């Protein structure tokens, strides 16, 4: 399920300069003259593909990809999919309005979707948010009939539902007033689908009124206090807790009931905007203190505490920074304690055969689970998260030695003195200290990102000027900085900030002033985000550029 997403990210990080360029610059790159592109490290890869193995560039790409990787950890995966508005079968509707026998065009278990019909899909999986249980997932046949094509050929962007089954009930109480669905022909989602009864929620209805402007304003205000997100999060926690208990157990049956109840709670929460009556969720389902203060028996309290959804699944740490901070702090403290008590990493203890654990080790692991701020049971979402972590975390660190990179391809090839080197090295130390002070100041005073970028640019221009005062020859200055930053563990961003343009000039000179540009081509052999490209090698047009310095 995760492989297409992994392949795309690894191809950007690993061995495809064209794909890296498309990711860094966007798929409209061929419409912009190469010399007008802003990022020097992206241009460097386009000029000389060996530059993709520069660890500085690899880390820059990895940094830009971090958000995409974190989104993969919460289940944002690449699938062939289609968003569309839903509609009932218009022919069945017209037959009913005309008091004719209702036959409709579509059969039970059948949808019409022109996009999937044209793409040769026979079945599609269908989803509508918010959903928390498998009952809300559908698989439907794509109608291939000539009659459906004749009637609905002018509805290419709509998914048309049949008039005979429980699709609307299953799709979280959908109706045809602008509701949308996601459809996909992903074979895994289709093959793993289980046909379950639709959940029909007996909801309370709002009193019908002719709304005034005041009513509409009050309804809009109620939207901002909606609790649907919290209800859905608690449902997701139950979906994770279910994995703790065996099939047929009392705990699992109660959790499954509570999980299916989420659909009612979600629908009523959404409809409460229209002033419908909202049934509150029992606090004993998700608040431990409410359980302990209740008049239940001790046995029932123990049962309810074991299935209380007061924690969030492991993968939520990539959604909420607070949870991530709390988890990291807990794991760090537990690791230290485990090493101190048992001379073992906590992961070693957890992987050990339970039969070989001592009583103290067993008690330690029980306490670890009890006080763990997240739920680490193997639900599908947690397993996706762990798989992505295993494949992509620290990718550059793992693979940086897989490629040989000779930084001298960026050099001008000129000589310099030890005095010149020493002077630039001193400036580097000053620049590093000033930048570190500014970062601390920005965090302490919560400087917004736009202002921080402006101040960093001013600092960069100031030190470019200082560097040229120490060494006025751009080629000499570039070679000093490359040797200083690439032979040692000094920050490579310094040389790129100060001499990025000269590095580009050196690479162009060694590559006959030619640059590789990805161009969209239906017959191309490079795939990116569902499109294909070819690479054209074109001349790089030099532009006159005036260097200005900050006052």
Protein backbone atom coordinates (compact mmCIF):
# COMPACT_ATOMS: atom_id res chain seq x y z
CA UNK A 1 0.00 0.00 0.00
CA UNK A 2 2.82 2.39 0.84
CA UNK A 3 5.18 1.34 -1.97
CA UNK A 4 4.19 3.95 -4.61
CA UNK A 5 4.70 6.72 -2.04
CA UNK A 6 8.03 5.24 -0.91
CA UNK A 7 9.18 4.89 -4.53
CA UNK A 8 8.41 8.54 -5.29
CA UNK A 9 10.17 9.88 -2.21
CA UNK A 10 13.20 7.59 -2.60
CA UNK A 11 13.54 8.49 -6.28
CA UNK A 12 13.73 12.15 -5.26
CA UNK A 13 16.24 11.46 -2.48
CA UNK A 14 18.32 8.83 -4.17
CA UNK A 15 19.03 8.57 -7.84
CA UNK A 16 16.85 10.64 -10.15
CA UNK A 17 18.09 14.19 -10.85
CA UNK A 18 15.12 14.88 -13.15
CA UNK A 19 12.58 13.87 -10.50
CA UNK A 20 14.51 15.83 -7.84
CA UNK A 21 14.39 18.89 -10.09
CA UNK A 22 10.65 18.54 -10.67
CA UNK A 23 10.04 18.24 -6.95
CA UNK A 24 12.23 21.22 -6.10
CA UNK A 25 11.03 23.54 -8.86
CA UNK A 26 7.54 22.30 -9.76
CA UNK A 27 6.21 20.70 -12.94
CA UNK A 28 6.05 24.09 -14.71
CA UNK A 29 9.84 24.31 -14.73
CA UNK A 30 10.09 24.08 -18.54
CA UNK A 31 8.10 27.32 -18.82
CA UNK A 32 10.74 29.30 -16.89
CA UNK A 33 14.17 30.11 -18.43
CA UNK A 34 16.78 28.07 -16.46
CA UNK A 35 18.81 31.21 -15.69
CA UNK A 36 15.78 32.70 -13.90
CA UNK A 37 15.46 29.82 -11.41
CA UNK A 38 16.22 30.98 -7.87
CA UNK A 39 17.64 27.94 -6.03
CA UNK A 40 21.32 27.46 -6.84
CA UNK A 41 21.41 23.90 -5.50
CA UNK A 42 18.52 22.94 -7.84
CA UNK A 43 20.31 24.52 -10.80
CA UNK A 44 23.51 22.69 -9.83
CA UNK A 45 21.77 19.30 -10.17
CA UNK A 46 20.32 20.36 -13.55
CA UNK A 47 23.77 21.36 -14.83
CA UNK A 48 25.72 18.35 -13.54
CA UNK A 49 23.84 15.28 -12.33
CA UNK A 50 26.80 14.29 -10.12
CA UNK A 51 25.72 17.12 -7.83
CA UNK A 52 22.74 15.08 -6.63
CA UNK A 53 25.21 13.08 -4.48
CA UNK A 54 26.46 16.19 -2.67
CA UNK A 55 25.39 15.54 0.96
CA UNK A 56 24.47 19.23 1.35
CA UNK A 57 22.03 19.03 -1.56
CA UNK A 58 20.74 15.65 -0.38
CA UNK A 59 20.01 17.16 3.05
CA UNK A 60 18.30 20.18 1.49
CA UNK A 61 16.05 17.89 -0.52
CA UNK A 62 15.43 15.71 2.54
CA UNK A 63 14.52 18.83 4.54
CA UNK A 64 12.04 19.92 1.88
CA UNK A 65 10.63 16.40 1.78
CA UNK A 66 10.24 16.14 5.56
CA UNK A 67 6.70 17.46 5.47
CA UNK A 68 5.80 14.99 2.71
CA UNK A 69 7.39 12.13 4.66
CA UNK A 70 5.52 13.10 7.84
CA UNK A 71 2.26 13.21 5.86
CA UNK A 72 2.99 9.69 4.61
CA UNK A 73 3.32 8.62 8.25
CA UNK A 74 -0.28 9.73 8.89
CA UNK A 75 -1.60 7.85 5.87
CA UNK A 76 -1.41 10.45 3.09
CA UNK A 77 -0.40 7.95 0.39
CA UNK A 78 -0.22 7.99 -3.39
CA UNK A 79 -3.16 6.19 -4.97
CA UNK A 80 -4.94 6.55 -8.28
CA UNK A 81 -8.08 8.39 -7.13
CA UNK A 82 -10.89 10.72 -8.16
CA UNK A 83 -12.89 13.27 -6.17
CA UNK A 84 -16.45 13.93 -7.29
CA UNK A 85 -19.88 15.18 -6.23
CA UNK A 86 -22.53 12.46 -5.89
CA UNK A 87 -26.00 12.40 -7.45
CA UNK A 88 -28.91 9.99 -7.32
CA UNK A 89 -30.02 8.21 -10.49
CA UNK A 90 -31.81 11.04 -12.39
CA UNK A 91 -33.78 8.60 -14.58
CA UNK A 92 -35.21 6.86 -11.49
CA UNK A 93 -36.10 10.27 -10.06
CA UNK A 94 -37.89 11.36 -13.23
CA UNK A 95 -39.77 8.05 -13.43
CA UNK A 96 -40.98 8.54 -9.86
CA UNK A 97 -42.00 12.15 -10.53
CA UNK A 98 -43.91 11.04 -13.64
CA UNK A 99 -45.67 8.23 -11.69
CA UNK A 100 -44.06 5.62 -13.95
CA UNK A 101 -42.61 2.31 -12.86
CA UNK A 102 -39.23 3.06 -11.31
CA UNK A 103 -36.52 1.02 -13.00
CA UNK A 104 -33.66 3.51 -13.18
CA UNK A 105 -30.58 2.94 -15.27
CA UNK A 106 -28.23 1.55 -12.61
CA UNK A 107 -28.58 -1.74 -10.77
CA UNK A 108 -28.01 -2.37 -7.05
CA UNK A 109 -24.28 -2.42 -6.26
CA UNK A 110 -23.53 -0.30 -9.33
CA UNK A 111 -22.34 3.31 -9.75
CA UNK A 112 -21.73 5.35 -12.89
CA UNK A 113 -18.49 7.31 -13.04
CA UNK A 114 -17.33 8.39 -16.47
CA UNK A 115 -13.73 8.96 -15.33
CA UNK A 116 -13.34 5.34 -14.17
CA UNK A 117 -15.32 3.96 -17.11
CA UNK A 118 -12.95 5.70 -19.52
CA UNK A 119 -9.97 4.38 -17.53
CA UNK A 120 -11.15 0.78 -17.76
CA UNK A 121 -11.96 0.24 -14.07
CA UNK A 122 -14.55 -2.45 -13.36
CA UNK A 123 -14.76 -1.88 -9.58
CA UNK A 124 -14.07 1.12 -7.37
CA UNK A 125 -13.71 1.62 -3.62
CA UNK A 126 -15.75 4.57 -2.34
CA UNK A 127 -15.21 6.68 0.80
CA UNK A 128 -16.78 9.76 2.36
CA UNK A 129 -15.46 11.73 5.34
CA UNK A 130 -15.72 11.67 8.26
CA UNK A 131 -15.57 7.90 8.63
CA UNK A 132 -14.24 5.70 11.42
CA UNK A 133 -15.37 2.13 10.74
CA UNK A 134 -15.29 -0.37 7.89
CA UNK A 135 -19.09 -0.27 7.50
CA UNK A 136 -18.64 3.14 5.86
CA UNK A 137 -16.34 1.84 3.11
CA UNK A 138 -17.97 0.63 -0.11
CA UNK A 139 -16.93 -1.29 -3.19
CA UNK A 140 -19.16 -0.79 -6.23
CA UNK A 141 -19.19 -1.99 -9.85
CA UNK A 142 -18.64 0.68 -12.49
CA UNK A 143 -21.56 0.62 -14.92
CA UNK A 144 -20.46 -0.21 -18.46
CA UNK A 145 -23.95 -0.18 -20.02
CA UNK A 146 -24.72 1.70 -23.25
CA UNK A 147 -27.89 3.06 -21.65
CA UNK A 148 -25.94 4.66 -18.78
CA UNK A 149 -23.51 6.15 -21.29
CA UNK A 150 -26.39 7.57 -23.36
CA UNK A 151 -28.16 9.18 -20.43
CA UNK A 152 -25.14 10.38 -18.47
CA UNK A 153 -22.61 11.28 -21.16
CA UNK A 154 -22.92 14.97 -20.20
CA UNK A 155 -22.14 14.27 -16.52
CA UNK A 156 -18.40 13.50 -16.74
CA UNK A 157 -17.47 14.77 -13.27
CA UNK A 158 -20.30 13.24 -11.21
CA UNK A 159 -20.51 9.87 -9.43
CA UNK A 160 -24.10 8.67 -9.93
CA UNK A 161 -25.54 6.32 -7.30
CA UNK A 162 -28.12 3.67 -7.98
CA UNK A 163 -31.63 3.83 -6.45
CA UNK A 164 -31.67 0.32 -4.96
CA UNK A 165 -29.12 -0.18 -2.16
CA UNK A 166 -27.93 1.38 1.09
CA UNK A 167 -25.03 3.38 -0.35
CA UNK A 168 -26.14 6.71 1.15
CA UNK A 169 -26.61 5.18 4.60
CA UNK A 170 -23.20 3.50 4.41
CA UNK A 171 -21.49 6.71 3.26
CA UNK A 172 -22.05 8.30 6.67
CA UNK A 173 -25.59 9.43 5.90
CA UNK A 174 -24.75 11.06 2.58
CA UNK A 175 -27.34 12.91 0.54
CA UNK A 176 -27.18 14.51 -2.87
CA UNK A 177 -26.91 18.19 -1.95
CA UNK A 178 -23.26 18.68 -2.86
CA UNK A 179 -21.71 15.82 -0.87
CA UNK A 180 -18.44 14.52 -2.29
CA UNK A 181 -16.75 11.11 -2.33
CA UNK A 182 -13.29 9.82 -3.01
CA UNK A 183 -13.20 6.88 -5.41
CA UNK A 184 -10.21 4.70 -6.28
CA UNK A 185 -9.43 1.58 -8.29
CA UNK A 186 -6.61 0.65 -5.88
CA UNK A 187 -6.62 -3.16 -5.95
CA UNK A 188 -5.52 -3.49 -2.31
CA UNK A 189 -8.42 -1.43 -0.97
CA UNK A 190 -10.82 -3.33 -3.23
CA UNK A 191 -9.49 -6.81 -2.39
CA UNK A 192 -9.31 -6.16 1.36
CA UNK A 193 -12.85 -4.79 1.54
CA UNK A 194 -15.35 -6.64 3.72
CA UNK A 195 -19.05 -6.36 2.89
CA UNK A 196 -20.70 -5.22 6.15
CA UNK A 197 -24.21 -3.91 6.91
CA UNK A 198 -24.69 -0.17 6.54
CA UNK A 199 -25.16 1.72 9.80
CA UNK A 200 -28.47 3.60 9.77
CA UNK A 201 -28.44 6.32 12.40
CA UNK A 202 -31.74 7.29 14.02
CA UNK A 203 -31.14 11.01 14.33
CA UNK A 204 -33.24 13.75 15.88
CA UNK A 205 -34.38 16.37 13.37
CA UNK A 206 -34.18 20.12 13.69
CA UNK A 207 -37.41 22.12 13.76
CA UNK A 208 -38.13 23.42 10.26
CA UNK A 209 -38.17 27.21 10.02
CA UNK A 210 -37.87 29.92 7.41
CA UNK A 211 -34.40 31.18 8.36
CA UNK A 212 -33.74 34.86 8.98
CA UNK A 213 -30.35 36.52 8.72
CA UNK A 214 -30.01 36.13 12.50
CA UNK A 215 -30.59 32.37 12.23
CA UNK A 216 -27.90 32.06 9.56
CA UNK A 217 -25.41 34.08 11.64
CA UNK A 218 -26.07 31.87 14.70
CA UNK A 219 -25.65 28.74 12.59
CA UNK A 220 -22.30 29.99 11.29
CA UNK A 221 -21.16 30.70 14.86
CA UNK A 222 -22.09 27.16 15.91
CA UNK A 223 -19.78 25.79 13.18
CA UNK A 224 -16.74 27.17 15.04
CA UNK A 225 -17.66 25.24 18.18
CA UNK A 226 -18.12 21.93 16.37
CA UNK A 227 -16.87 18.90 18.27
CA UNK A 228 -16.72 16.58 15.25
CA UNK A 229 -12.91 16.52 15.22
CA UNK A 230 -12.67 15.40 18.85
CA UNK A 231 -15.34 12.72 18.27
CA UNK A 232 -13.46 11.40 15.24
CA UNK A 233 -10.14 11.37 17.14
CA UNK A 234 -11.67 9.34 19.97
CA UNK A 235 -13.09 6.94 17.37
CA UNK A 236 -9.60 6.55 15.89
CA UNK A 237 -8.27 5.75 19.37
CA UNK A 238 -10.88 2.98 19.72
CA UNK A 239 -9.88 1.60 16.33
CA UNK A 240 -6.35 1.31 17.73
CA UNK A 241 -7.40 -0.10 21.13
CA UNK A 242 -9.33 -2.89 19.39
CA UNK A 243 -5.98 -4.41 18.38
CA UNK A 244 -5.16 -4.95 22.07
CA UNK A 245 -7.94 -7.51 22.54
CA UNK A 246 -8.64 -10.88 20.87
CA UNK A 247 -11.60 -11.42 18.54
CA UNK A 248 -14.72 -12.36 20.52
CA UNK A 249 -13.57 -10.75 23.77
CA UNK A 250 -15.98 -8.57 25.73
CA UNK A 251 -13.62 -5.59 25.48
CA UNK A 252 -13.44 -5.84 21.70
CA UNK A 253 -17.24 -6.12 21.33
CA UNK A 254 -17.78 -2.99 23.44
CA UNK A 255 -15.15 -1.06 21.49
CA UNK A 256 -16.72 -2.11 18.17
CA UNK A 257 -20.11 -0.85 19.39
CA UNK A 258 -18.59 2.45 20.51
CA UNK A 259 -16.75 2.74 17.22
CA UNK A 260 -19.92 2.30 15.17
CA UNK A 261 -21.64 4.82 17.46
CA UNK A 262 -19.15 7.43 16.25
CA UNK A 263 -21.10 7.68 12.98
CA UNK A 264 -24.23 8.78 14.87
CA UNK A 265 -22.26 11.20 17.03
CA UNK A 266 -20.48 12.67 13.98
CA UNK A 267 -23.71 13.12 12.01
CA UNK A 268 -25.54 14.71 14.93
CA UNK A 269 -22.60 17.01 15.62
CA UNK A 270 -22.62 18.16 11.99
CA UNK A 271 -26.42 18.59 12.00
CA UNK A 272 -26.31 20.52 15.30
CA UNK A 273 -25.20 23.47 13.18
CA UNK A 274 -28.80 23.41 11.91
CA UNK A 275 -30.01 23.43 15.54
CA UNK A 276 -30.68 19.68 15.71
CA UNK A 277 -30.50 18.09 19.15
CA UNK A 278 -27.03 16.67 19.91
CA UNK A 279 -26.74 13.58 22.10
CA UNK A 280 -23.58 13.96 24.22
CA UNK A 281 -21.03 11.16 24.17
CA UNK A 282 -20.70 9.39 27.50
CA UNK A 283 -17.68 10.77 29.40
CA UNK A 284 -17.12 7.27 30.84
CA UNK A 285 -16.01 6.27 27.33
CA UNK A 286 -12.98 8.57 27.29
CA UNK A 287 -12.38 10.20 30.74
CA UNK A 288 -10.75 8.05 33.44
CA UNK A 289 -11.86 10.28 36.31
CA UNK A 290 -15.49 9.92 35.18
CA UNK A 291 -15.11 6.14 35.41
CA UNK A 292 -13.49 6.23 38.84
CA UNK A 293 -16.14 8.61 40.24
CA UNK A 294 -19.05 6.57 38.88
CA UNK A 295 -21.14 4.14 40.95
CA UNK A 296 -20.15 1.15 38.79
CA UNK A 297 -18.83 -2.02 40.38
CA UNK A 298 -15.07 -2.46 40.71
CA UNK A 299 -15.14 -5.11 37.96
CA UNK A 300 -16.95 -2.76 35.56
CA UNK A 301 -14.58 0.07 36.44
CA UNK A 302 -11.62 -2.15 35.60
CA UNK A 303 -13.27 -3.10 32.31
CA UNK A 304 -14.06 0.51 31.37
CA UNK A 305 -10.57 1.70 32.31
CA UNK A 306 -9.01 -0.94 30.04
CA UNK A 307 -10.95 0.39 27.02
CA UNK A 308 -10.93 4.11 27.88
CA UNK A 309 -10.02 6.14 24.76
CA UNK A 310 -8.14 8.90 26.59
CA UNK A 311 -4.93 8.44 24.58
CA UNK A 312 -4.20 8.94 20.90
CA UNK A 313 -2.58 6.43 18.50
CA UNK A 314 1.18 6.53 17.91
CA UNK A 315 0.85 8.11 14.45
CA UNK A 316 -0.86 11.17 15.97
CA UNK A 317 2.56 12.40 17.10
CA UNK A 318 3.05 13.53 13.49
CA UNK A 319 -0.19 15.53 13.61
CA UNK A 320 0.03 17.23 17.01
CA UNK A 321 3.42 18.67 18.16
CA UNK A 322 2.29 18.51 21.81
CA UNK A 323 1.83 14.72 21.62
CA UNK A 324 5.18 14.32 19.85
CA UNK A 325 7.00 16.34 22.52
CA UNK A 326 5.34 14.38 25.32
CA UNK A 327 6.15 11.04 23.64
CA UNK A 328 9.81 11.89 22.97
CA UNK A 329 10.29 13.02 26.57
CA UNK A 330 8.66 9.83 27.89
CA UNK A 331 10.74 7.52 25.66
CA UNK A 332 14.00 9.28 26.57
CA UNK A 333 13.30 8.93 30.30
CA UNK A 334 12.26 5.30 29.92
CA UNK A 335 15.40 4.42 27.93
CA UNK A 336 17.61 5.82 30.65
CA UNK A 337 15.70 3.96 33.35
CA UNK A 338 15.83 0.68 31.39
CA UNK A 339 19.60 0.94 30.92
CA UNK A 340 20.09 1.79 34.58
CA UNK A 341 17.94 -1.09 35.89
CA UNK A 342 18.57 -3.87 33.37
CA UNK A 343 21.51 -2.76 31.20
CA UNK A 344 19.16 -3.17 28.22
CA UNK A 345 17.53 -0.79 25.76
CA UNK A 346 13.75 -0.61 26.11
CA UNK A 347 13.44 -1.89 22.52
CA UNK A 348 15.48 -4.97 23.50
CA UNK A 349 13.11 -5.68 26.38
CA UNK A 350 10.01 -5.26 24.21
CA UNK A 351 11.44 -7.58 21.53
CA UNK A 352 12.43 -10.26 24.05
CA UNK A 353 10.47 -13.52 24.38
CA UNK A 354 7.99 -12.93 27.27
CA UNK A 355 8.91 -16.33 28.69
CA UNK A 356 12.50 -15.20 29.24
CA UNK A 357 11.64 -11.97 31.08
CA UNK A 358 12.27 -11.64 34.79
CA UNK A 359 9.43 -10.50 37.07
CA UNK A 360 11.00 -7.05 37.35
CA UNK A 361 11.38 -6.76 33.58
CA UNK A 362 7.77 -7.87 33.05
CA UNK A 363 6.53 -5.30 35.58
CA UNK A 364 8.65 -2.61 33.91
CA UNK A 365 7.08 -3.32 30.50
CA UNK A 366 3.57 -3.32 31.99
CA UNK A 367 4.25 0.11 33.51
CA UNK A 368 5.72 1.30 30.19
CA UNK A 369 2.45 0.45 28.43
CA UNK A 370 0.28 1.86 31.22
CA UNK A 371 2.00 5.28 31.25
CA UNK A 372 2.84 5.48 27.54
CA UNK A 373 1.29 8.78 26.30
CA UNK A 374 0.30 7.15 22.98
CA UNK A 375 -1.28 3.86 21.91
CA UNK A 376 1.33 1.60 20.28
CA UNK A 377 -0.94 -1.28 19.27
CA UNK A 378 -0.58 -2.53 15.65
CA UNK A 379 -3.61 -0.92 14.00
CA UNK A 380 -3.25 -0.35 10.25
CA UNK A 381 -2.41 3.35 10.63
CA UNK A 382 0.33 2.69 13.20
CA UNK A 383 1.75 -0.06 10.98
CA UNK A 384 1.83 2.36 8.03
CA UNK A 385 3.58 4.92 10.23
CA UNK A 386 6.20 2.46 11.47
CA UNK A 387 6.86 1.17 7.93
CA UNK A 388 7.43 4.71 6.59
CA UNK A 389 9.68 5.54 9.55
CA UNK A 390 11.72 2.41 8.93
CA UNK A 391 12.12 3.13 5.22
CA UNK A 392 12.63 6.90 5.18
CA UNK A 393 13.85 8.23 8.54
CA UNK A 394 17.54 9.20 8.34
CA UNK A 395 17.65 8.18 4.68
CA UNK A 396 20.56 10.52 3.89
CA UNK A 397 22.50 9.36 6.96
CA UNK A 398 22.10 5.73 5.92
CA UNK A 399 23.00 6.26 2.26
CA UNK A 400 25.42 9.19 2.17
CA UNK A 401 28.38 6.78 1.94
CA UNK A 402 26.75 4.83 -0.90
CA UNK A 403 27.92 7.43 -3.44
CA UNK A 404 31.31 8.90 -4.09
CA UNK A 405 31.19 12.67 -4.43
CA UNK A 406 34.16 14.77 -5.50
CA UNK A 407 33.48 18.34 -4.36
CA UNK A 408 36.31 19.66 -6.58
CA UNK A 409 33.94 19.61 -9.56
CA UNK A 410 32.58 22.85 -8.07
CA UNK A 411 36.00 24.53 -7.77
CA UNK A 412 37.52 27.21 -9.99
CA UNK A 413 40.98 25.62 -9.83
CA UNK A 414 42.93 28.69 -8.66
CA UNK A 415 45.60 29.13 -5.95
CA UNK A 416 45.23 31.02 -2.67
CA UNK A 417 47.39 31.83 0.36
CA UNK A 418 47.18 30.65 3.98
CA UNK A 419 46.57 34.27 5.01
CA UNK A 420 43.51 34.47 2.76
CA UNK A 421 42.24 31.12 4.09
CA UNK A 422 42.70 32.22 7.73
CA UNK A 423 40.82 35.51 7.14
CA UNK A 424 37.81 33.73 5.58
CA UNK A 425 37.85 31.08 8.30
CA UNK A 426 37.55 33.84 10.92
CA UNK A 427 34.59 35.33 9.05
CA UNK A 428 32.95 31.92 9.00
CA UNK A 429 33.17 31.73 12.80
CA UNK A 430 31.63 35.21 13.13
CA UNK A 431 28.85 34.33 10.67
CA UNK A 432 28.04 31.11 12.51
CA UNK A 433 27.87 32.92 15.88
CA UNK A 434 25.70 35.76 14.51
CA UNK A 435 23.33 33.31 12.84
CA UNK A 436 23.07 31.21 16.02
CA UNK A 437 22.26 34.33 18.08
CA UNK A 438 19.59 35.37 15.59
CA UNK A 439 17.95 31.92 15.65
CA UNK A 440 17.76 32.04 19.47
CA UNK A 441 16.38 35.59 19.33
CA UNK A 442 13.75 34.58 16.76
CA UNK A 443 12.51 31.67 18.87
CA UNK A 444 12.44 33.69 22.08
CA UNK A 445 10.57 36.61 20.49
CA UNK A 446 8.44 34.48 18.14
CA UNK A 447 9.58 36.32 15.01
CA UNK A 448 7.34 35.29 12.08
CA UNK A 449 8.90 33.31 9.24
CA UNK A 450 8.70 36.10 6.66
CA UNK A 451 10.49 38.60 8.91
CA UNK A 452 13.08 35.96 9.88
CA UNK A 453 13.84 35.28 6.20
CA UNK A 454 14.31 39.01 5.55
CA UNK A 455 16.73 39.36 8.47
CA UNK A 456 18.69 36.28 7.37
CA UNK A 457 18.98 37.75 3.88
CA UNK A 458 20.30 41.03 5.31
CA UNK A 459 22.85 39.09 7.39
CA UNK A 460 23.87 37.09 4.32
CA UNK A 461 24.43 40.24 2.23
CA UNK A 462 26.46 41.81 5.04
CA UNK A 463 28.85 38.85 5.17
CA UNK A 464 29.11 38.60 1.38
CA UNK A 465 30.39 42.17 1.48
CA UNK A 466 32.84 41.36 4.30
CA UNK A 467 34.11 38.30 2.42
CA UNK A 468 34.81 40.36 -0.70
CA UNK A 469 36.66 42.92 1.40
CA UNK A 470 38.99 40.12 2.57
CA UNK A 471 39.26 38.52 -0.88
CA UNK A 472 38.04 40.42 -3.94
CA UNK A 473 38.58 37.57 -6.40
CA UNK A 474 35.32 35.54 -6.62
CA UNK A 475 37.04 32.39 -7.91
CA UNK A 476 39.65 32.42 -5.14
CA UNK A 477 36.99 33.11 -2.51
CA UNK A 478 34.86 30.21 -3.78
CA UNK A 479 37.76 27.73 -3.70
CA UNK A 480 38.79 28.79 -0.17
CA UNK A 481 35.27 28.26 1.12
CA UNK A 482 34.82 24.92 -0.67
CA UNK A 483 38.05 23.55 0.80
CA UNK A 484 37.18 24.95 4.23
CA UNK A 485 33.61 23.56 4.33
CA UNK A 486 33.96 20.29 2.40
CA UNK A 487 37.26 19.07 3.86
CA UNK A 488 36.03 19.61 7.42
CA UNK A 489 32.76 19.30 9.31
CA UNK A 490 31.99 22.99 8.93
CA UNK A 491 28.54 23.99 7.66
CA UNK A 492 28.34 23.63 3.90
CA UNK A 493 25.49 26.12 3.78
CA UNK A 494 28.08 28.88 4.37
CA UNK A 495 29.79 28.35 1.03
CA UNK A 496 26.44 28.09 -0.78
CA UNK A 497 25.15 31.26 0.89
CA UNK A 498 28.30 33.22 0.10
CA UNK A 499 29.41 31.73 -3.24
CA UNK A 500 26.39 29.96 -4.73
CA UNK A 501 26.52 31.98 -7.96
CA UNK A 502 30.21 31.27 -8.46
CA UNK A 503 29.64 27.52 -7.94
CA UNK A 504 27.03 27.66 -10.70
CA UNK A 505 29.49 29.49 -12.98
CA UNK A 506 32.18 26.89 -12.33
CA UNK A 507 29.79 24.02 -13.11
CA UNK A 508 28.56 25.73 -16.28
CA UNK A 509 32.11 26.27 -17.50
CA UNK A 510 32.86 22.55 -17.08
CA UNK A 511 29.59 21.53 -18.81
CA UNK A 512 29.81 23.80 -21.91
CA UNK A 513 27.15 26.16 -20.47
CA UNK A 514 24.42 23.55 -20.99
CA UNK A 515 21.65 22.63 -18.55
CA UNK A 516 19.15 19.72 -18.38
CA UNK A 517 15.48 20.74 -18.24
CA UNK A 518 12.57 18.27 -17.71
CA UNK A 519 9.82 18.82 -20.30
CA UNK A 520 6.37 17.26 -20.24
CA UNK A 521 6.06 14.54 -22.88
CA UNK A 522 3.35 11.87 -23.16
CA UNK A 523 5.99 9.48 -24.50
CA UNK A 524 8.65 10.39 -21.94
CA UNK A 525 10.33 7.80 -19.70
CA UNK A 526 10.35 9.89 -16.49
CA UNK A 527 7.23 9.69 -14.30
CA UNK A 528 6.28 12.31 -11.72
CA UNK A 529 2.87 12.78 -10.05
CA UNK A 530 1.06 10.79 -12.73
CA UNK A 531 2.68 12.61 -15.70
CA UNK A 532 5.58 11.70 -17.96
CA UNK A 533 8.58 13.84 -18.95
CA UNK A 534 11.71 13.82 -21.06
CA UNK A 535 14.94 15.73 -20.40
CA UNK A 536 16.12 18.36 -22.89
CA UNK A 537 19.70 19.66 -22.74
CA UNK A 538 19.56 23.38 -23.55
CA UNK A 539 21.98 26.35 -23.49
CA UNK A 540 22.18 28.40 -20.31
CA UNK A 541 21.89 32.07 -21.29
CA UNK A 542 24.18 34.23 -19.19
CA UNK A 543 22.67 37.41 -17.76
CA UNK A 544 24.41 40.54 -16.58
CA UNK A 545 23.90 40.75 -12.83
CA UNK A 546 24.69 43.64 -10.53
CA UNK A 547 25.62 42.68 -6.96
CA UNK A 548 24.18 44.98 -4.27
CA UNK A 549 24.99 44.98 -0.58
CA UNK A 550 22.91 45.79 2.48
CA UNK A 551 23.70 49.09 4.19
